[in-house]
Amino acid sequence: MTQAAITVRNAMLDDASAIAALTKEYAGEGIMLERPLENIIENIRNFFIAEHDGEVIGCCAIAFYTPTLAEIRSLAVLGRWKLKGIGRQLVEKAESILRDEGVYEVFVLTLSRQFFLRLGYSEVEKEYFPQKIWRDCTHCPKLMACDEIAMMKTLVPSTTNSSLQ
């Protein structure tokens, strides 16, 4: 199982059930909110998946809040694929899309502080994202005892990146 055999791509409708199963597994562990199948289908164009031999082994999504602010969310990797760089590949794909869209601030709410520190994110106060709190957090069972850490990264515009290639 080499990295070359792993593909990270935009999700398609056929991937929705596998994404729902992944988020349900993580939600069962208290790591993320479950994403109902209907919600995933409705937002399928904002999801990315990692696959190996046709199997969905990881996913993540982006959510836009303003023209310059977005969230990376629903990051999940199948247990046997953890610690193999799949999460990093998914986040990098999401960041690339966000750069192309002109987004320069990206945030996450996470329990995996070290993972995102390694990717260049810094801790910030959750209150910095009132849009997130009103849109999603009010529906969260952990609302009054949230244990997630807010982290943020400033993205370098894609025009700068293309000149480096």
Protein backbone atom coordinates (compact mmCIF):
# COMPACT_ATOMS: atom_id res chain seq x y z
CA MET A 1 0.00 0.00 0.00
CA THR A 2 1.97 2.94 -1.28
CA GLN A 3 1.10 6.61 -1.28
CA ALA A 4 1.08 6.48 -5.10
CA ALA A 5 -1.95 4.18 -4.95
CA ILE A 6 -3.96 6.80 -3.05
CA THR A 7 -6.04 9.34 -4.95
CA VAL A 8 -7.46 12.52 -3.43
CA ARG A 9 -10.29 13.96 -5.52
CA ASN A 10 -13.56 15.86 -5.40
CA ALA A 11 -16.35 13.71 -4.00
CA MET A 12 -19.17 12.51 -6.23
CA LEU A 13 -22.69 11.46 -5.34
CA ASP A 14 -21.64 7.79 -5.35
CA ASP A 15 -19.26 8.61 -2.46
CA ALA A 16 -21.96 10.08 -0.18
CA SER A 17 -22.78 6.83 1.67
CA ALA A 18 -19.11 6.13 2.42
CA ILE A 19 -18.63 9.71 3.68
CA ALA A 20 -21.72 9.36 5.89
CA ALA A 21 -20.37 6.10 7.33
CA LEU A 22 -16.99 7.71 8.09
CA THR A 23 -18.52 10.73 9.82
CA LYS A 24 -20.91 8.47 11.75
CA GLU A 25 -17.95 6.45 13.05
CA TYR A 26 -16.13 9.59 14.20
CA ALA A 27 -19.34 11.01 15.70
CA GLY A 28 -19.79 7.79 17.66
CA GLU A 29 -16.37 8.40 19.19
CA GLY A 30 -17.33 12.00 20.04
CA ILE A 31 -14.75 13.39 17.62
CA MET A 32 -17.09 15.22 15.23
CA LEU A 33 -20.71 15.92 14.49
CA GLU A 34 -22.39 13.30 12.38
CA ARG A 35 -23.26 14.45 8.88
CA PRO A 36 -26.56 12.94 7.77
CA LEU A 37 -26.57 11.44 4.28
CA GLU A 38 -29.00 14.12 3.07
CA ASN A 39 -26.64 16.87 4.25
CA ILE A 40 -23.68 15.23 2.54
CA ILE A 41 -25.60 14.85 -0.73
CA GLU A 42 -26.72 18.48 -0.53
CA ASN A 43 -23.11 19.62 -0.01
CA ILE A 44 -21.28 16.97 -2.07
CA ARG A 45 -19.43 19.60 -4.13
CA ASN A 46 -17.71 20.78 -0.94
CA PHE A 47 -16.37 17.31 -0.02
CA PHE A 48 -13.12 15.65 -0.99
CA ILE A 49 -12.27 12.00 -0.59
CA ALA A 50 -9.15 9.89 -0.47
CA GLU A 51 -9.50 6.50 -2.09
CA HIS A 52 -7.44 3.38 -2.49
CA ASP A 53 -8.47 0.70 -4.98
CA GLY A 54 -11.94 2.23 -5.26
CA GLU A 55 -12.50 2.33 -1.47
CA VAL A 56 -13.13 5.65 0.27
CA ILE A 57 -10.52 5.77 3.03
CA GLY A 58 -10.85 9.41 4.07
CA CYS A 59 -12.85 12.58 3.61
CA CYS A 60 -13.04 16.25 4.43
CA ALA A 61 -15.17 19.20 3.46
CA ILE A 62 -14.97 22.95 3.18
CA ALA A 63 -17.56 25.46 4.33
CA PHE A 64 -17.50 29.07 3.21
CA TYR A 65 -18.39 31.82 5.69
CA THR A 66 -17.30 34.97 3.85
CA PRO A 67 -15.50 35.54 0.53
CA THR A 68 -12.20 35.34 2.42
CA LEU A 69 -12.97 32.97 5.33
CA ALA A 70 -13.66 29.24 5.18
CA GLU A 71 -13.58 26.19 7.42
CA ILE A 72 -12.10 22.77 6.80
CA ARG A 73 -14.41 20.28 8.48
CA SER A 74 -15.49 16.65 8.61
CA LEU A 75 -11.89 15.41 8.32
CA ALA A 76 -11.94 11.66 8.85
CA VAL A 77 -9.66 8.77 7.89
CA LEU A 78 -10.41 5.06 8.27
CA GLY A 79 -8.59 3.62 11.28
CA ARG A 80 -6.22 1.35 9.36
CA TRP A 81 -5.15 4.32 7.21
CA LYS A 82 -4.37 6.74 10.03
CA LEU A 83 -0.81 8.04 10.38
CA LYS A 84 -0.10 7.46 6.67
CA GLY A 85 -0.43 11.07 5.49
CA ILE A 86 -4.02 10.76 4.25
CA GLY A 87 -5.32 13.54 6.51
CA ARG A 88 -2.52 15.83 5.36
CA GLN A 89 -3.33 15.13 1.71
CA LEU A 90 -7.01 15.91 2.28
CA VAL A 91 -6.26 19.17 4.09
CA GLU A 92 -3.77 20.20 1.40
CA LYS A 93 -6.38 19.52 -1.31
CA ALA A 94 -8.94 21.64 0.57
CA GLU A 95 -6.42 24.45 1.06
CA SER A 96 -5.56 24.39 -2.65
CA ILE A 97 -9.22 24.77 -3.61
CA LEU A 98 -9.67 27.56 -1.08
CA ARG A 99 -6.63 29.43 -2.44
CA ASP A 100 -8.05 29.16 -5.95
CA GLU A 101 -11.31 30.66 -4.65
CA GLY A 102 -9.46 33.62 -3.13
CA VAL A 103 -9.94 32.53 0.47
CA TYR A 104 -6.99 33.55 2.61
CA GLU A 105 -8.16 32.65 6.11
CA VAL A 106 -9.03 29.05 6.90
CA PHE A 107 -9.98 27.66 10.28
CA VAL A 108 -10.72 24.34 11.93
CA LEU A 109 -12.32 23.27 15.17
CA THR A 110 -10.41 20.20 16.23
CA LEU A 111 -9.35 17.81 18.94
CA SER A 112 -6.15 17.09 16.97
CA ARG A 113 -4.11 20.16 17.90
CA GLN A 114 -0.70 18.66 17.04
CA PHE A 115 -1.82 17.52 13.59
CA PHE A 116 -2.89 21.03 12.61
CA LEU A 117 0.14 22.67 14.24
CA ARG A 118 2.32 20.56 11.92
CA LEU A 119 0.30 21.91 8.97
CA GLY A 120 0.95 25.53 9.94
CA TYR A 121 -2.21 26.34 11.90
CA SER A 122 -2.17 28.43 15.09
CA GLU A 123 -4.58 28.42 18.01
CA VAL A 124 -7.13 31.23 18.17
CA GLU A 125 -10.17 31.96 20.29
CA LYS A 126 -13.43 30.37 19.09
CA GLU A 127 -15.13 33.72 19.50
CA TYR A 128 -13.17 34.88 16.44
CA PHE A 129 -15.69 32.89 14.36
CA PRO A 130 -19.19 34.03 15.39
CA GLN A 131 -20.52 32.81 12.03
CA LYS A 132 -19.47 29.25 12.90
CA ILE A 133 -20.97 29.44 16.36
CA TRP A 134 -24.35 30.60 15.05
CA ARG A 135 -24.43 28.23 12.07
CA ASP A 136 -23.23 24.96 13.59
CA CYS A 137 -22.34 25.14 17.26
CA THR A 138 -25.86 25.88 18.45
CA HIS A 139 -26.83 22.38 17.20
CA CYS A 140 -23.93 20.61 18.88
CA PRO A 141 -24.53 18.43 21.94
CA LYS A 142 -21.21 19.74 23.36
CA LEU A 143 -22.30 23.39 23.12
CA MET A 144 -21.96 24.13 26.83
CA ALA A 145 -18.87 21.95 27.29
CA CYS A 146 -16.99 22.32 24.01
CA ASP A 147 -13.58 20.67 24.05
CA GLU A 148 -12.56 21.57 20.52
CA ILE A 149 -9.68 23.92 19.80
CA ALA A 150 -10.06 26.66 17.20
CA MET A 151 -7.09 26.95 14.87
CA MET A 152 -6.45 29.19 11.91
CA LYS A 153 -4.06 29.50 9.00
CA THR A 154 -3.42 32.29 6.51
CA LEU A 155 -3.18 30.90 3.00
CA VAL A 156 -0.70 32.21 0.48
CA PRO A 157 -2.52 33.10 -2.78
CA SER A 158 -2.23 30.52 -5.56
CA THR A 159 -0.66 33.07 -7.94
CA THR A 160 2.36 33.18 -5.62
CA ASN A 161 2.49 29.37 -5.51
CA SER A 162 2.35 28.98 -9.30
CA SER A 163 5.43 31.18 -9.73
CA LEU A 164 7.38 28.75 -7.55
CA GLN A 165 6.72 25.79 -9.84
